[in-house]
Amino acid sequence: MKKKFIIYIIIFFLIFLVFLYFKSLKDKKTEIVKPDISDNISYSSNIIKDVYYSSKDVKGNEYIIKASQGEIDYKHSNIIYLTNVNGFIKLANSNDIEITSEYGKYNTENFDTIFSKNVIIDYLDNNILGEYLDFSIKRSSMIMSREIVYTNLNNILKADAIEIDIDTKDTKIYMFQVNKKVNIRSKK
């Protein structure tokens, strides 16, 4: 009888230890991971209201980024995730370019900016709508993709991508698939 009692206590104790072991594993697996810019997952970060960054290059061009809110990435402190973004490119020898989007990803070291969701570029009488814009000061270019609609006074153009050289204003408009063509329609 005494042996059975001791065996029951040992079994109970082992079950209790196994339970604690699995509970501690479960607690360790709960880890906060930085989501992609489009995810709606909560995580810890530094939040900045009314973000404003300005920089000038050697050519005298000024780059300004404004946002209603920014979140600094803990793993990469030079990256800020932006909400309600306005970008202004004030060119020394040309007219200004204005960019707006719902979201952005700004690099404070090299000033490169990714604009995403409902991106709009306004330049003179040209208006470009799309979903993704990669703006690079170092490359001196803007590459916009995803559902591009380009309009000016005379035409409406639909394409997969548009690439603009900020210095020369040279523009490449293209489709990703060779067998598809850029759609151009006159407004008149």
N, C-alpha and C. Protein backbone atom coordinates (compact mmCIF):
# COMPACT_ATOMS: atom_id res chain seq x y z
N MET A 1 0.81 -1.18 0.00
CA MET A 1 0.00 0.00 0.00
C MET A 1 0.86 1.25 0.00
N LYS A 2 1.92 1.20 0.81
CA LYS A 2 2.81 2.32 0.90
C LYS A 2 3.52 2.55 -0.44
N LYS A 3 3.88 1.48 -1.16
CA LYS A 3 4.55 1.59 -2.45
C LYS A 3 3.62 2.24 -3.48
N LYS A 4 2.35 1.86 -3.49
CA LYS A 4 1.39 2.45 -4.43
C LYS A 4 1.25 3.95 -4.18
N PHE A 5 1.20 4.32 -2.94
CA PHE A 5 1.06 5.73 -2.59
C PHE A 5 2.26 6.53 -3.08
N ILE A 6 3.45 6.01 -2.89
CA ILE A 6 4.67 6.68 -3.34
C ILE A 6 4.69 6.77 -4.87
N ILE A 7 4.27 5.72 -5.57
CA ILE A 7 4.21 5.74 -7.03
C ILE A 7 3.23 6.80 -7.51
N TYR A 8 2.06 6.91 -6.88
CA TYR A 8 1.08 7.94 -7.23
C TYR A 8 1.64 9.34 -7.03
N ILE A 9 2.35 9.53 -5.96
CA ILE A 9 2.94 10.86 -5.69
C ILE A 9 4.00 11.18 -6.74
N ILE A 10 4.82 10.19 -7.10
CA ILE A 10 5.85 10.41 -8.12
C ILE A 10 5.21 10.72 -9.47
N ILE A 11 4.18 9.98 -9.85
CA ILE A 11 3.48 10.23 -11.12
C ILE A 11 2.85 11.62 -11.11
N PHE A 12 2.19 11.96 -10.01
CA PHE A 12 1.59 13.29 -9.89
C PHE A 12 2.65 14.37 -10.02
N PHE A 13 3.77 14.19 -9.35
CA PHE A 13 4.86 15.16 -9.40
C PHE A 13 5.42 15.29 -10.82
N LEU A 14 5.59 14.18 -11.53
CA LEU A 14 6.08 14.21 -12.91
C LEU A 14 5.10 14.92 -13.84
N ILE A 15 3.81 14.65 -13.68
CA ILE A 15 2.80 15.33 -14.49
C ILE A 15 2.84 16.83 -14.23
N PHE A 16 2.99 17.19 -12.97
CA PHE A 16 3.07 18.60 -12.60
C PHE A 16 4.29 19.26 -13.25
N LEU A 17 5.45 18.60 -13.24
CA LEU A 17 6.66 19.13 -13.88
C LEU A 17 6.49 19.28 -15.39
N VAL A 18 5.88 18.29 -16.03
CA VAL A 18 5.64 18.36 -17.47
C VAL A 18 4.73 19.54 -17.78
N PHE A 19 3.69 19.73 -16.98
CA PHE A 19 2.77 20.85 -17.16
C PHE A 19 3.53 22.18 -17.06
N LEU A 20 4.37 22.34 -16.05
CA LEU A 20 5.14 23.58 -15.88
C LEU A 20 6.10 23.79 -17.05
N TYR A 21 6.73 22.71 -17.52
CA TYR A 21 7.65 22.81 -18.64
C TYR A 21 6.95 23.34 -19.89
N PHE A 22 5.79 22.77 -20.26
CA PHE A 22 5.07 23.22 -21.45
C PHE A 22 4.52 24.62 -21.28
N LYS A 23 4.10 24.99 -20.09
CA LYS A 23 3.62 26.34 -19.84
C LYS A 23 4.75 27.35 -20.04
N SER A 24 5.96 27.03 -19.56
CA SER A 24 7.08 27.94 -19.73
C SER A 24 7.47 28.07 -21.21
N LEU A 25 7.37 26.98 -21.98
CA LEU A 25 7.63 27.05 -23.42
C LEU A 25 6.64 27.95 -24.12
N LYS A 26 5.38 27.84 -23.76
CA LYS A 26 4.35 28.66 -24.37
C LYS A 26 4.61 30.14 -24.08
N ASP A 27 5.00 30.48 -22.86
CA ASP A 27 5.29 31.86 -22.50
C ASP A 27 6.49 32.40 -23.26
N LYS A 28 7.49 31.58 -23.50
CA LYS A 28 8.69 32.01 -24.22
C LYS A 28 8.40 32.24 -25.70
N LYS A 29 7.45 31.53 -26.28
CA LYS A 29 7.15 31.67 -27.70
C LYS A 29 6.36 32.93 -28.01
N THR A 30 5.80 33.58 -27.02
CA THR A 30 5.06 34.81 -27.24
C THR A 30 6.06 35.93 -27.45
N GLU A 31 6.38 36.21 -28.70
CA GLU A 31 7.41 37.16 -29.05
C GLU A 31 6.81 38.21 -29.97
N ILE A 32 7.15 39.46 -29.76
CA ILE A 32 6.63 40.53 -30.60
C ILE A 32 7.53 40.66 -31.81
N VAL A 33 6.92 40.65 -33.00
CA VAL A 33 7.65 40.73 -34.25
C VAL A 33 7.17 41.95 -35.00
N LYS A 34 8.09 42.72 -35.61
CA LYS A 34 7.75 43.91 -36.37
C LYS A 34 7.00 43.49 -37.63
N PRO A 35 5.77 43.98 -37.83
CA PRO A 35 4.99 43.59 -39.00
C PRO A 35 5.42 44.34 -40.25
N ASP A 36 4.96 43.85 -41.39
CA ASP A 36 5.12 44.53 -42.65
C ASP A 36 4.34 45.83 -42.58
N ILE A 37 4.66 46.79 -43.42
CA ILE A 37 4.04 48.11 -43.36
C ILE A 37 2.52 48.07 -43.51
N SER A 38 1.98 47.07 -44.16
CA SER A 38 0.53 47.01 -44.39
C SER A 38 -0.22 46.20 -43.34
N ASP A 39 0.50 45.55 -42.41
CA ASP A 39 -0.17 44.74 -41.38
C ASP A 39 -0.76 45.64 -40.30
N ASN A 40 -1.81 45.15 -39.65
CA ASN A 40 -2.44 45.88 -38.56
C ASN A 40 -2.20 45.20 -37.22
N ILE A 41 -0.97 44.76 -36.95
CA ILE A 41 -0.62 44.06 -35.73
C ILE A 41 -0.01 45.07 -34.76
N SER A 42 -0.40 45.00 -33.49
CA SER A 42 0.16 45.90 -32.48
C SER A 42 1.55 45.42 -32.07
N TYR A 43 2.43 46.36 -31.80
CA TYR A 43 3.75 46.06 -31.32
C TYR A 43 4.31 47.29 -30.63
N SER A 44 5.36 47.11 -29.86
CA SER A 44 5.95 48.22 -29.13
C SER A 44 6.85 49.03 -30.04
N SER A 45 6.76 50.34 -29.93
CA SER A 45 7.62 51.21 -30.72
C SER A 45 7.55 52.62 -30.16
N ASN A 46 8.40 53.48 -30.68
CA ASN A 46 8.35 54.89 -30.35
C ASN A 46 7.48 55.58 -31.37
N ILE A 47 6.46 56.29 -30.93
CA ILE A 47 5.56 56.97 -31.84
C ILE A 47 5.84 58.46 -31.80
N ILE A 48 5.91 59.05 -32.99
CA ILE A 48 6.15 60.48 -33.13
C ILE A 48 4.94 61.08 -33.83
N LYS A 49 4.41 62.16 -33.31
CA LYS A 49 3.30 62.87 -33.96
C LYS A 49 3.88 64.02 -34.77
N ASP A 50 3.18 64.37 -35.86
CA ASP A 50 3.56 65.51 -36.72
C ASP A 50 5.03 65.44 -37.13
N VAL A 51 5.37 64.42 -37.90
CA VAL A 51 6.74 64.18 -38.35
C VAL A 51 7.12 65.19 -39.44
N TYR A 52 8.35 65.69 -39.37
CA TYR A 52 8.86 66.62 -40.37
C TYR A 52 10.36 66.38 -40.53
N TYR A 53 10.78 66.03 -41.75
CA TYR A 53 12.20 65.88 -42.07
C TYR A 53 12.50 66.70 -43.31
N SER A 54 13.65 67.35 -43.32
CA SER A 54 14.07 68.15 -44.46
C SER A 54 15.55 67.93 -44.70
N SER A 55 15.94 67.86 -45.97
CA SER A 55 17.35 67.72 -46.32
C SER A 55 17.61 68.36 -47.67
N LYS A 56 18.85 68.74 -47.91
CA LYS A 56 19.26 69.33 -49.19
C LYS A 56 20.44 68.54 -49.73
N ASP A 57 20.47 68.40 -51.06
CA ASP A 57 21.62 67.73 -51.66
C ASP A 57 22.61 68.77 -52.16
N VAL A 58 23.74 68.32 -52.72
CA VAL A 58 24.79 69.23 -53.17
C VAL A 58 24.35 70.09 -54.35
N LYS A 59 23.30 69.68 -55.06
CA LYS A 59 22.81 70.44 -56.21
C LYS A 59 21.84 71.55 -55.80
N GLY A 60 21.48 71.60 -54.51
CA GLY A 60 20.56 72.62 -54.03
C GLY A 60 19.11 72.18 -54.00
N ASN A 61 18.84 70.92 -54.34
CA ASN A 61 17.48 70.39 -54.28
C ASN A 61 17.11 70.13 -52.82
N GLU A 62 15.88 70.43 -52.45
CA GLU A 62 15.43 70.21 -51.08
C GLU A 62 14.37 69.12 -51.07
N TYR A 63 14.46 68.23 -50.08
CA TYR A 63 13.54 67.13 -49.92
C TYR A 63 12.87 67.25 -48.55
N ILE A 64 11.56 67.31 -48.55
CA ILE A 64 10.80 67.47 -47.30
C ILE A 64 9.80 66.33 -47.19
N ILE A 65 9.76 65.71 -46.02
CA ILE A 65 8.78 64.66 -45.72
C ILE A 65 7.99 65.10 -44.49
N LYS A 66 6.66 65.07 -44.62
CA LYS A 66 5.76 65.36 -43.50
C LYS A 66 4.82 64.18 -43.34
N ALA A 67 4.42 63.89 -42.11
CA ALA A 67 3.46 62.82 -41.85
C ALA A 67 2.73 63.13 -40.55
N SER A 68 1.50 62.64 -40.46
CA SER A 68 0.75 62.86 -39.23
C SER A 68 1.31 62.04 -38.07
N GLN A 69 1.95 60.91 -38.41
CA GLN A 69 2.51 60.04 -37.37
C GLN A 69 3.66 59.23 -37.92
N GLY A 70 4.62 58.92 -37.08
CA GLY A 70 5.73 58.05 -37.44
C GLY A 70 6.03 57.09 -36.31
N GLU A 71 6.46 55.89 -36.68
CA GLU A 71 6.85 54.88 -35.70
C GLU A 71 8.27 54.43 -36.01
N ILE A 72 9.15 54.58 -35.04
CA ILE A 72 10.55 54.20 -35.23
C ILE A 72 10.68 52.69 -35.05
N ASP A 73 11.33 52.04 -36.00
CA ASP A 73 11.58 50.61 -35.94
C ASP A 73 12.67 50.35 -34.90
N TYR A 74 12.37 49.52 -33.88
CA TYR A 74 13.34 49.24 -32.82
C TYR A 74 14.60 48.55 -33.34
N LYS A 75 14.45 47.64 -34.29
CA LYS A 75 15.61 46.89 -34.78
C LYS A 75 16.48 47.75 -35.70
N HIS A 76 15.86 48.70 -36.41
CA HIS A 76 16.58 49.58 -37.34
C HIS A 76 16.15 51.00 -37.03
N SER A 77 16.84 51.66 -36.12
CA SER A 77 16.41 52.97 -35.63
C SER A 77 16.45 54.06 -36.70
N ASN A 78 17.07 53.80 -37.84
CA ASN A 78 17.07 54.77 -38.93
C ASN A 78 15.83 54.65 -39.82
N ILE A 79 14.96 53.68 -39.55
CA ILE A 79 13.73 53.48 -40.33
C ILE A 79 12.53 53.99 -39.54
N ILE A 80 11.71 54.80 -40.21
CA ILE A 80 10.49 55.31 -39.59
C ILE A 80 9.32 54.96 -40.49
N TYR A 81 8.30 54.32 -39.93
CA TYR A 81 7.08 53.98 -40.66
C TYR A 81 6.10 55.14 -40.49
N LEU A 82 5.65 55.69 -41.60
CA LEU A 82 4.85 56.91 -41.60
C LEU A 82 3.39 56.66 -41.95
N THR A 83 2.52 57.55 -41.49
CA THR A 83 1.09 57.52 -41.80
C THR A 83 0.69 58.90 -42.32
N ASN A 84 -0.17 58.93 -43.35
CA ASN A 84 -0.62 60.19 -43.98
C ASN A 84 0.58 61.04 -44.37
N VAL A 85 1.24 60.63 -45.44
CA VAL A 85 2.53 61.17 -45.83
C VAL A 85 2.39 62.22 -46.94
N ASN A 86 3.16 63.30 -46.81
CA ASN A 86 3.31 64.32 -47.85
C ASN A 86 4.79 64.50 -48.10
N GLY A 87 5.20 64.36 -49.35
CA GLY A 87 6.59 64.57 -49.72
C GLY A 87 6.68 65.73 -50.70
N PHE A 88 7.70 66.55 -50.54
CA PHE A 88 7.90 67.69 -51.43
C PHE A 88 9.34 67.64 -51.93
N ILE A 89 9.49 67.72 -53.24
CA ILE A 89 10.81 67.78 -53.86
C ILE A 89 10.90 69.15 -54.50
N LYS A 90 11.71 70.01 -53.91
CA LYS A 90 11.88 71.37 -54.41
C LYS A 90 13.19 71.39 -55.19
N LEU A 91 13.04 71.31 -56.51
CA LEU A 91 14.20 71.23 -57.39
C LEU A 91 14.78 72.61 -57.65
N ALA A 92 16.12 72.71 -57.63
CA ALA A 92 16.80 73.99 -57.81
C ALA A 92 16.56 74.58 -59.20
N ASN A 93 16.52 73.73 -60.24
CA ASN A 93 16.41 74.22 -61.61
C ASN A 93 15.12 73.80 -62.30
N SER A 94 14.07 73.53 -61.51
CA SER A 94 12.82 73.06 -62.11
C SER A 94 11.67 73.29 -61.14
N ASN A 95 10.50 72.91 -61.56
CA ASN A 95 9.31 73.05 -60.72
C ASN A 95 9.28 71.97 -59.64
N ASP A 96 8.52 72.25 -58.59
CA ASP A 96 8.40 71.34 -57.46
C ASP A 96 7.56 70.11 -57.81
N ILE A 97 7.84 69.02 -57.09
CA ILE A 97 7.08 67.78 -57.22
C ILE A 97 6.46 67.51 -55.85
N GLU A 98 5.16 67.20 -55.83
CA GLU A 98 4.49 66.86 -54.59
C GLU A 98 4.03 65.41 -54.63
N ILE A 99 4.24 64.70 -53.52
CA ILE A 99 3.87 63.28 -53.42
C ILE A 99 3.03 63.10 -52.16
N THR A 100 1.91 62.40 -52.29
CA THR A 100 1.10 62.06 -51.11
C THR A 100 0.82 60.57 -51.12
N SER A 101 0.63 60.00 -49.93
CA SER A 101 0.27 58.58 -49.80
C SER A 101 -0.27 58.34 -48.40
N GLU A 102 -0.91 57.20 -48.23
CA GLU A 102 -1.43 56.84 -46.91
C GLU A 102 -0.31 56.39 -45.97
N TYR A 103 0.69 55.68 -46.52
CA TYR A 103 1.76 55.13 -45.70
C TYR A 103 3.12 55.40 -46.33
N GLY A 104 4.15 55.32 -45.51
CA GLY A 104 5.50 55.50 -46.01
C GLY A 104 6.51 54.82 -45.12
N LYS A 105 7.69 54.62 -45.67
CA LYS A 105 8.82 54.06 -44.93
C LYS A 105 10.01 54.95 -45.26
N TYR A 106 10.50 55.69 -44.27
CA TYR A 106 11.52 56.70 -44.48
C TYR A 106 12.83 56.27 -43.82
N ASN A 107 13.93 56.39 -44.56
CA ASN A 107 15.26 56.06 -44.06
C ASN A 107 15.96 57.38 -43.70
N THR A 108 16.22 57.60 -42.41
CA THR A 108 16.82 58.87 -41.97
C THR A 108 18.30 58.99 -42.33
N GLU A 109 18.95 57.89 -42.70
CA GLU A 109 20.37 57.94 -43.07
C GLU A 109 20.57 58.39 -44.51
N ASN A 110 19.82 57.80 -45.45
CA ASN A 110 20.02 58.14 -46.87
C ASN A 110 18.82 58.89 -47.47
N PHE A 111 17.77 59.13 -46.68
CA PHE A 111 16.57 59.89 -47.05
C PHE A 111 15.69 59.19 -48.08
N ASP A 112 16.00 57.95 -48.44
CA ASP A 112 15.15 57.21 -49.37
C ASP A 112 13.80 56.96 -48.71
N THR A 113 12.75 57.00 -49.53
CA THR A 113 11.40 56.87 -49.00
C THR A 113 10.59 55.94 -49.88
N ILE A 114 9.86 55.03 -49.25
CA ILE A 114 8.87 54.19 -49.93
C ILE A 114 7.50 54.77 -49.58
N PHE A 115 6.73 55.12 -50.58
CA PHE A 115 5.36 55.58 -50.40
C PHE A 115 4.45 54.44 -50.81
N SER A 116 3.40 54.18 -50.04
CA SER A 116 2.50 53.10 -50.42
C SER A 116 1.05 53.44 -50.12
N LYS A 117 0.16 52.85 -50.88
CA LYS A 117 -1.29 52.94 -50.81
C LYS A 117 -1.78 54.34 -51.18
N ASN A 118 -2.51 54.39 -52.30
CA ASN A 118 -3.07 55.64 -52.83
C ASN A 118 -2.01 56.72 -53.00
N VAL A 119 -0.96 56.39 -53.73
CA VAL A 119 0.14 57.32 -53.97
C VAL A 119 -0.24 58.25 -55.12
N ILE A 120 0.02 59.54 -54.92
CA ILE A 120 -0.26 60.56 -55.95
C ILE A 120 0.98 61.42 -56.12
N ILE A 121 1.41 61.57 -57.38
CA ILE A 121 2.50 62.48 -57.72
C ILE A 121 1.90 63.62 -58.53
N ASP A 122 2.14 64.85 -58.11
CA ASP A 122 1.71 66.04 -58.85
C ASP A 122 2.94 66.81 -59.30
N TYR A 123 3.04 67.04 -60.62
CA TYR A 123 4.15 67.81 -61.18
C TYR A 123 3.61 68.60 -62.37
N LEU A 124 3.61 69.92 -62.24
CA LEU A 124 3.02 70.79 -63.26
C LEU A 124 1.60 70.35 -63.55
N ASP A 125 1.27 70.03 -64.81
CA ASP A 125 -0.07 69.57 -65.18
C ASP A 125 -0.14 68.04 -65.26
N ASN A 126 0.85 67.37 -64.70
CA ASN A 126 0.91 65.91 -64.72
C ASN A 126 0.49 65.35 -63.35
N ASN A 127 -0.31 64.29 -63.42
CA ASN A 127 -0.79 63.64 -62.21
C ASN A 127 -0.60 62.14 -62.40
N ILE A 128 0.07 61.50 -61.44
CA ILE A 128 0.31 60.06 -61.54
C ILE A 128 -0.25 59.40 -60.28
N LEU A 129 -1.11 58.42 -60.49
CA LEU A 129 -1.69 57.65 -59.38
C LEU A 129 -1.12 56.25 -59.42
N GLY A 130 -0.91 55.65 -58.26
CA GLY A 130 -0.42 54.29 -58.17
C GLY A 130 -0.47 53.81 -56.73
N GLU A 131 0.08 52.63 -56.50
CA GLU A 131 0.03 52.04 -55.16
C GLU A 131 1.39 51.94 -54.47
N TYR A 132 2.48 52.13 -55.21
CA TYR A 132 3.81 51.94 -54.62
C TYR A 132 4.81 52.85 -55.32
N LEU A 133 5.58 53.60 -54.54
CA LEU A 133 6.59 54.49 -55.10
C LEU A 133 7.88 54.36 -54.31
N ASP A 134 8.96 54.06 -55.02
CA ASP A 134 10.29 53.98 -54.43
C ASP A 134 11.05 55.24 -54.85
N PHE A 135 11.28 56.14 -53.90
CA PHE A 135 11.97 57.40 -54.17
C PHE A 135 13.37 57.33 -53.58
N SER A 136 14.39 57.60 -54.40
CA SER A 136 15.77 57.54 -53.94
C SER A 136 16.52 58.81 -54.33
N ILE A 137 17.05 59.50 -53.35
CA ILE A 137 17.86 60.68 -53.60
C ILE A 137 19.18 60.26 -54.24
N LYS A 138 19.79 59.19 -53.73
CA LYS A 138 21.08 58.73 -54.25
C LYS A 138 20.98 58.36 -55.73
N ARG A 139 19.92 57.65 -56.11
CA ARG A 139 19.70 57.28 -57.51
C ARG A 139 19.16 58.45 -58.32
N SER A 140 18.62 59.44 -57.62
CA SER A 140 17.95 60.58 -58.23
C SER A 140 16.80 60.10 -59.12
N SER A 141 16.00 59.17 -58.54
CA SER A 141 14.90 58.63 -59.34
C SER A 141 13.69 58.27 -58.49
N MET A 142 12.57 58.16 -59.18
CA MET A 142 11.33 57.67 -58.60
C MET A 142 10.85 56.53 -59.48
N ILE A 143 10.54 55.39 -58.86
CA ILE A 143 10.00 54.26 -59.60
C ILE A 143 8.63 53.95 -58.99
N MET A 144 7.59 54.12 -59.79
CA MET A 144 6.24 53.91 -59.30
C MET A 144 5.66 52.70 -60.00
N SER A 145 4.93 51.87 -59.23
CA SER A 145 4.34 50.68 -59.81
C SER A 145 3.00 50.38 -59.16
N ARG A 146 2.31 49.40 -59.74
CA ARG A 146 1.01 48.91 -59.28
C ARG A 146 -0.12 49.88 -59.64
N GLU A 147 -0.86 49.53 -60.66
CA GLU A 147 -2.06 50.25 -61.07
C GLU A 147 -1.79 51.72 -61.39
N ILE A 148 -0.83 51.96 -62.27
CA ILE A 148 -0.43 53.32 -62.64
C ILE A 148 -1.47 53.94 -63.57
N VAL A 149 -1.89 55.16 -63.23
CA VAL A 149 -2.74 55.98 -64.10
C VAL A 149 -2.08 57.35 -64.18
N TYR A 150 -1.60 57.68 -65.38
CA TYR A 150 -0.91 58.95 -65.62
C TYR A 150 -1.84 59.83 -66.44
N THR A 151 -2.08 61.05 -65.96
CA THR A 151 -2.93 61.98 -66.72
C THR A 151 -2.20 63.31 -66.86
N ASN A 152 -2.42 63.93 -68.01
CA ASN A 152 -1.98 65.30 -68.23
C ASN A 152 -3.11 66.02 -68.96
N LEU A 153 -2.87 67.17 -69.51
CA LEU A 153 -3.95 67.94 -70.16
C LEU A 153 -4.56 67.21 -71.35
N ASN A 154 -3.78 66.36 -72.03
CA ASN A 154 -4.25 65.74 -73.27
C ASN A 154 -4.54 64.25 -73.19
N ASN A 155 -3.89 63.53 -72.29
CA ASN A 155 -3.95 62.06 -72.33
C ASN A 155 -4.22 61.43 -70.97
N ILE A 156 -4.71 60.18 -71.05
CA ILE A 156 -4.81 59.29 -69.88
C ILE A 156 -4.05 58.03 -70.26
N LEU A 157 -3.13 57.64 -69.43
CA LEU A 157 -2.26 56.51 -69.73
C LEU A 157 -2.33 55.51 -68.58
N LYS A 158 -2.41 54.21 -68.90
CA LYS A 158 -2.40 53.16 -67.88
C LYS A 158 -1.23 52.22 -68.17
N ALA A 159 -0.47 51.91 -67.09
CA ALA A 159 0.72 51.07 -67.25
C ALA A 159 1.01 50.34 -65.95
N ASP A 160 2.01 49.45 -66.00
CA ASP A 160 2.43 48.72 -64.81
C ASP A 160 3.45 49.51 -63.99
N ALA A 161 4.30 50.29 -64.67
CA ALA A 161 5.36 51.02 -63.97
C ALA A 161 5.76 52.27 -64.71
N ILE A 162 6.28 53.21 -63.93
CA ILE A 162 6.82 54.44 -64.50
C ILE A 162 8.08 54.79 -63.72
N GLU A 163 9.13 55.13 -64.44
CA GLU A 163 10.40 55.47 -63.82
C GLU A 163 10.78 56.88 -64.26
N ILE A 164 11.08 57.75 -63.29
CA ILE A 164 11.38 59.14 -63.59
C ILE A 164 12.74 59.50 -63.04
N ASP A 165 13.62 60.04 -63.90
CA ASP A 165 14.91 60.55 -63.46
C ASP A 165 14.68 61.98 -62.99
N ILE A 166 14.95 62.27 -61.74
CA ILE A 166 14.64 63.58 -61.17
C ILE A 166 15.49 64.68 -61.79
N ASP A 167 16.74 64.39 -62.15
CA ASP A 167 17.63 65.40 -62.73
C ASP A 167 17.24 65.75 -64.16
N THR A 168 17.07 64.76 -65.00
CA THR A 168 16.83 65.00 -66.43
C THR A 168 15.35 65.04 -66.80
N LYS A 169 14.49 64.55 -65.93
CA LYS A 169 13.04 64.39 -66.16
C LYS A 169 12.73 63.33 -67.21
N ASP A 170 13.77 62.56 -67.62
CA ASP A 170 13.53 61.44 -68.53
C ASP A 170 12.58 60.46 -67.84
N THR A 171 11.59 59.99 -68.60
CA THR A 171 10.56 59.13 -68.04
C THR A 171 10.44 57.87 -68.89
N LYS A 172 10.40 56.72 -68.23
CA LYS A 172 10.17 55.44 -68.90
C LYS A 172 8.85 54.90 -68.37
N ILE A 173 7.95 54.57 -69.29
CA ILE A 173 6.65 54.00 -68.92
C ILE A 173 6.58 52.63 -69.58
N TYR A 174 6.24 51.59 -68.80
CA TYR A 174 6.29 50.25 -69.37
C TYR A 174 5.36 49.29 -68.65
N MET A 175 5.19 48.13 -69.30
CA MET A 175 4.44 47.01 -68.75
C MET A 175 5.45 45.94 -68.34
N PHE A 176 5.09 45.14 -67.36
CA PHE A 176 6.00 44.08 -66.91
C PHE A 176 6.01 42.90 -67.88
N GLN A 177 4.87 42.60 -68.48
CA GLN A 177 4.80 41.48 -69.42
C GLN A 177 5.01 42.00 -70.84
N VAL A 178 5.88 41.32 -71.58
CA VAL A 178 6.26 41.75 -72.93
C VAL A 178 5.05 41.80 -73.87
N ASN A 179 4.11 40.88 -73.73
CA ASN A 179 2.98 40.82 -74.65
C ASN A 179 1.88 41.85 -74.34
N LYS A 180 2.00 42.60 -73.24
CA LYS A 180 1.01 43.62 -72.91
C LYS A 180 1.55 44.99 -73.29
N LYS A 181 0.64 45.90 -73.64
CA LYS A 181 1.04 47.23 -74.09
C LYS A 181 0.48 48.30 -73.16
N VAL A 182 1.20 49.40 -73.07
CA VAL A 182 0.74 50.56 -72.32
C VAL A 182 -0.53 51.08 -73.00
N ASN A 183 -1.55 51.39 -72.22
CA ASN A 183 -2.83 51.88 -72.74
C ASN A 183 -2.84 53.41 -72.69
N ILE A 184 -2.93 54.05 -73.87
CA ILE A 184 -2.98 55.51 -73.95
C ILE A 184 -4.29 55.92 -74.60
N ARG A 185 -4.96 56.89 -73.96
CA ARG A 185 -6.24 57.37 -74.49
C ARG A 185 -6.22 58.91 -74.45
N SER A 186 -6.67 59.51 -75.53
CA SER A 186 -6.73 60.97 -75.62
C SER A 186 -7.96 61.47 -74.86
N LYS A 187 -7.83 62.62 -74.20
CA LYS A 187 -8.96 63.20 -73.47
C LYS A 187 -9.92 63.94 -74.39
N LYS A 188 -9.49 64.26 -75.60
CA LYS A 188 -10.32 65.05 -76.52
C LYS A 188 -11.29 64.21 -77.27
